[in-house]
Amino acid sequence: MRILVVEDEPDIAEPLLLLLRREGYEAVWAGSLESAWEVFLEGEPLLVVLDVMLPEGEEAGFAFARQLREGGYEGAILFLTARDALDDRVAGLNLGGDDYLVKPFALEEFLARVRALLRRGAHYKGTRFLKGELEVDLVGRRAYWKGEAVALSPREFALLELLCRYPERLFPPEELADRLFPGRESGVRMARVYIHRLRRKLAPEVVRTGAGGYGLGLSQ
């Protein structure tokens, strides 16, 4: 199970990572939102442990959570913060957070909350996606078309995975740019380039174009 820890203070992040890894989780650290988006390119985690105050701003964690939920992320979000005001806790939960842990906290409580959230969200993620002639191994990170393996770059696979996880959605090119190429002025153009690459490597019908965006094509 993959867990992303978004925390800019190494003294706080390192004990959490060690604890999670000792428990058998695949724990990945991001010290900024830019790094966090890079982790998402490699595959969506089942849980995001998210500090509210980050280098990008005092409420950057809240903004990141909002972007994740608006983008269709269905995994669990656990906020970490030194701010214990009721309004802050309510704001975090209203933005899509699943739990809220105030610093300082005991590692035992942190681990208990992680376990509870993962049990609650165990139904979110499958390991294999099948539709039409397309098969995607979400764990092994491999794609197959008509039974034949297709070599995809990490960003190409990240794009395909996003479309497969939310097959009913249409993603505007601006959102794809934010997810795949955060901070790049040429992000929208690059997103369209990667759409073209998926169509070329797999099949034109794999990606459909709808009003305002791109989504997974194919018939069952």
Protein backbone atom coordinates (compact mmCIF):
# COMPACT_ATOMS: atom_id res chain seq x y z
CA MET A 1 0.00 0.00 0.00
CA ARG A 2 1.45 3.32 -1.11
CA ILE A 3 1.34 6.31 1.25
CA LEU A 4 2.50 9.82 0.40
CA VAL A 5 3.74 11.99 3.26
CA VAL A 6 3.72 15.70 2.33
CA GLU A 7 5.69 17.41 5.11
CA ASP A 8 8.37 20.06 4.71
CA GLU A 9 10.06 19.45 8.08
CA PRO A 10 12.43 16.44 7.86
CA ASP A 11 12.46 16.04 11.66
CA ILE A 12 8.74 15.31 11.51
CA ALA A 13 8.67 13.41 8.23
CA GLU A 14 11.51 10.97 8.93
CA PRO A 15 9.96 9.25 11.99
CA LEU A 16 6.67 8.90 10.14
CA LEU A 17 8.36 7.36 7.11
CA LEU A 18 10.39 4.95 9.24
CA LEU A 19 7.28 3.89 11.15
CA LEU A 20 5.22 3.32 8.01
CA ARG A 21 7.98 1.39 6.26
CA ARG A 22 8.54 -0.75 9.34
CA GLU A 23 4.84 -1.63 9.17
CA GLY A 24 5.24 -2.74 5.56
CA TYR A 25 3.80 0.28 3.76
CA GLU A 26 5.44 1.88 0.74
CA ALA A 27 5.96 5.35 2.20
CA VAL A 28 7.11 8.19 -0.07
CA TRP A 29 8.14 11.65 1.11
CA ALA A 30 7.48 15.00 -0.58
CA GLY A 31 8.75 18.22 1.00
CA SER A 32 6.78 20.51 -1.32
CA LEU A 33 3.71 20.46 -3.51
CA GLU A 34 5.83 20.26 -6.63
CA SER A 35 7.41 17.06 -5.29
CA ALA A 36 3.99 15.77 -4.30
CA TRP A 37 2.68 16.13 -7.84
CA GLU A 38 5.75 14.26 -9.10
CA VAL A 39 4.87 11.37 -6.80
CA PHE A 40 1.35 11.29 -8.25
CA LEU A 41 2.88 10.89 -11.71
CA GLU A 42 4.38 7.62 -10.53
CA GLY A 43 1.01 6.32 -9.32
CA GLU A 44 -1.71 7.55 -7.00
CA PRO A 45 -1.20 6.64 -3.34
CA LEU A 46 -3.95 5.08 -1.27
CA LEU A 47 -3.39 7.69 1.45
CA VAL A 48 -1.99 11.22 1.53
CA VAL A 49 -0.62 12.42 4.88
CA LEU A 50 -0.71 16.16 4.33
CA ASP A 51 0.73 19.01 6.38
CA VAL A 52 -1.42 22.13 6.14
CA MET A 53 1.44 24.66 6.27
CA LEU A 54 3.99 24.08 3.50
CA PRO A 55 6.65 26.22 1.79
CA GLU A 56 4.02 27.31 -0.74
CA GLY A 57 1.86 28.96 1.93
CA GLU A 58 0.19 28.67 5.33
CA GLU A 59 -2.86 26.94 3.82
CA ALA A 60 -1.12 25.24 0.89
CA GLY A 61 -2.13 21.83 2.19
CA PHE A 62 -5.79 22.81 2.09
CA ALA A 63 -5.39 24.04 -1.50
CA PHE A 64 -3.65 20.80 -2.50
CA ALA A 65 -6.44 18.72 -0.97
CA ARG A 66 -9.04 20.76 -2.85
CA GLN A 67 -7.19 20.18 -6.13
CA LEU A 68 -6.98 16.45 -5.47
CA ARG A 69 -10.69 16.11 -4.77
CA GLU A 70 -11.69 18.30 -7.70
CA GLY A 71 -9.48 16.11 -9.87
CA GLY A 72 -11.33 13.00 -8.77
CA TYR A 73 -8.85 11.59 -6.24
CA GLU A 74 -10.69 9.03 -4.08
CA GLY A 75 -7.95 7.99 -1.69
CA ALA A 76 -7.82 9.04 1.94
CA ILE A 77 -6.38 12.37 3.16
CA LEU A 78 -5.04 12.79 6.69
CA PHE A 79 -4.20 16.38 7.63
CA LEU A 80 -1.33 17.14 10.00
CA THR A 81 -1.11 20.60 11.55
CA ALA A 82 -0.15 22.57 14.62
CA ARG A 83 -3.34 24.62 14.21
CA ASP A 84 -6.00 23.20 16.49
CA ALA A 85 -8.76 25.78 16.05
CA LEU A 86 -12.19 24.30 15.37
CA ASP A 87 -12.59 26.41 12.22
CA ASP A 88 -9.38 24.91 10.77
CA ARG A 89 -10.49 21.36 11.50
CA VAL A 90 -13.88 21.96 9.95
CA ALA A 91 -12.32 23.62 6.90
CA GLY A 92 -10.00 20.68 6.33
CA LEU A 93 -12.80 18.13 6.56
CA ASN A 94 -15.07 20.19 4.30
CA LEU A 95 -12.33 20.30 1.67
CA GLY A 96 -12.30 16.53 1.46
CA GLY A 97 -10.05 15.52 4.33
CA ASP A 98 -10.88 12.24 6.07
CA ASP A 99 -9.12 12.89 9.37
CA TYR A 100 -7.22 15.62 11.20
CA LEU A 101 -4.27 15.10 13.57
CA VAL A 102 -2.93 18.02 15.62
CA LYS A 103 0.82 18.31 16.32
CA PRO A 104 2.42 17.15 18.50
CA PHE A 105 0.97 13.65 18.41
CA ALA A 106 2.04 10.17 19.47
CA LEU A 107 3.30 7.86 16.74
CA GLU A 108 0.98 5.15 18.03
CA GLU A 109 -2.04 7.36 17.43
CA PHE A 110 -0.78 8.33 13.98
CA LEU A 111 -0.37 4.66 13.01
CA ALA A 112 -3.81 3.77 14.36
CA ARG A 113 -5.43 6.51 12.28
CA VAL A 114 -3.53 5.42 9.16
CA ARG A 115 -4.75 1.85 9.60
CA ALA A 116 -8.33 2.98 10.12
CA LEU A 117 -8.31 5.16 7.01
CA LEU A 118 -6.82 2.41 4.85
CA ARG A 119 -9.41 -0.08 6.07
CA ARG A 120 -12.16 2.41 5.28
CA GLY A 121 -10.88 3.09 1.77
CA ALA A 122 -9.76 -0.40 0.81
CA HIS A 123 -12.44 -0.60 -1.86
CA TYR A 124 -11.16 2.44 -3.77
CA LYS A 125 -8.32 0.95 -5.76
CA GLY A 126 -8.25 -2.12 -7.90
CA THR A 127 -5.04 -3.58 -9.25
CA ARG A 128 -6.05 -4.27 -12.84
CA PHE A 129 -8.20 -2.39 -15.32
CA LEU A 130 -9.89 -4.00 -18.31
CA LYS A 131 -11.93 -2.33 -21.01
CA GLY A 132 -12.31 -3.47 -24.57
CA GLU A 133 -8.90 -4.54 -25.87
CA LEU A 134 -7.08 -2.50 -23.22
CA GLU A 135 -5.60 -4.05 -20.08
CA VAL A 136 -3.70 -2.01 -17.51
CA ASP A 137 -1.77 -3.50 -14.59
CA LEU A 138 -1.90 -0.67 -12.03
CA VAL A 139 0.54 -2.36 -9.66
CA GLY A 140 3.10 -3.63 -12.16
CA ARG A 141 2.60 -0.43 -14.18
CA ARG A 142 2.24 -2.19 -17.50
CA ALA A 143 -0.19 -1.65 -20.36
CA TYR A 144 -1.42 -4.21 -22.87
CA TRP A 145 -3.33 -3.78 -26.11
CA LYS A 146 -4.94 -6.89 -27.61
CA GLY A 147 -2.80 -8.95 -25.26
CA GLU A 148 0.49 -7.41 -26.35
CA ALA A 149 2.62 -5.38 -23.95
CA VAL A 150 3.04 -1.72 -24.91
CA ALA A 151 6.06 0.22 -23.64
CA LEU A 152 5.00 3.52 -22.06
CA SER A 153 7.10 6.21 -20.43
CA PRO A 154 6.32 7.10 -16.78
CA ARG A 155 4.30 10.17 -17.81
CA GLU A 156 2.48 8.28 -20.55
CA PHE A 157 1.50 5.62 -18.04
CA ALA A 158 0.50 8.28 -15.50
CA LEU A 159 -1.86 9.79 -18.06
CA LEU A 160 -3.32 6.39 -18.96
CA GLU A 161 -3.74 5.48 -15.29
CA LEU A 162 -5.59 8.72 -14.61
CA LEU A 163 -8.03 8.05 -17.45
CA CYS A 164 -8.56 4.45 -16.31
CA ARG A 165 -9.18 5.34 -12.67
CA TYR A 166 -11.88 7.86 -13.64
CA PRO A 167 -13.26 6.41 -16.90
CA GLU A 168 -16.44 8.53 -16.88
CA ARG A 169 -14.63 11.86 -16.50
CA LEU A 170 -13.48 14.32 -19.11
CA PHE A 171 -10.29 16.13 -18.11
CA PRO A 172 -9.70 19.64 -19.47
CA PRO A 173 -6.19 20.02 -20.94
CA GLU A 174 -5.41 22.61 -18.26
CA GLU A 175 -6.07 20.05 -15.52
CA LEU A 176 -3.95 17.44 -17.27
CA ALA A 177 -1.19 20.04 -17.50
CA ASP A 178 -1.42 20.75 -13.75
CA ARG A 179 -1.24 17.05 -12.93
CA LEU A 180 1.40 15.93 -15.42
CA PHE A 181 3.54 19.04 -15.89
CA PRO A 182 3.08 21.24 -12.80
CA GLY A 183 4.58 24.68 -13.13
CA ARG A 184 5.43 24.43 -16.83
CA GLU A 185 4.20 27.17 -19.14
CA SER A 186 4.03 24.64 -21.98
CA GLY A 187 2.00 22.19 -19.88
CA VAL A 188 -1.20 22.35 -21.96
CA ARG A 189 0.70 21.77 -25.17
CA MET A 190 2.62 18.89 -23.62
CA ALA A 191 -0.62 17.32 -22.32
CA ARG A 192 -1.97 17.27 -25.87
CA VAL A 193 1.30 15.77 -27.08
CA TYR A 194 0.97 12.93 -24.57
CA ILE A 195 -2.64 12.33 -25.59
CA HIS A 196 -1.36 11.92 -29.14
CA ARG A 197 1.34 9.52 -27.95
CA LEU A 198 -1.16 7.30 -26.15
CA ARG A 199 -3.36 7.16 -29.23
CA ARG A 200 -0.37 6.31 -31.40
CA LYS A 201 1.10 3.64 -29.11
CA LEU A 202 -2.20 1.98 -28.14
CA ALA A 203 -5.04 2.91 -30.50
CA PRO A 204 -6.78 6.13 -31.54
CA GLU A 205 -9.99 5.06 -29.79
CA VAL A 206 -8.30 4.68 -26.40
CA VAL A 207 -8.69 8.42 -25.71
CA ARG A 208 -11.92 10.17 -26.57
CA THR A 209 -12.34 13.89 -27.08
CA GLY A 210 -15.47 15.44 -25.60
CA ALA A 211 -16.80 18.87 -24.83
CA GLY A 212 -14.02 20.54 -22.92
CA GLY A 213 -11.61 17.70 -22.43
CA TYR A 214 -10.27 14.19 -22.87
CA GLY A 215 -11.38 10.90 -21.37
CA LEU A 216 -11.08 7.17 -21.72
CA GLY A 217 -12.65 5.83 -24.89
CA LEU A 218 -13.36 2.24 -25.96
CA SER A 219 -16.46 0.12 -25.62
CA GLN A 220 -16.88 -2.67 -23.08
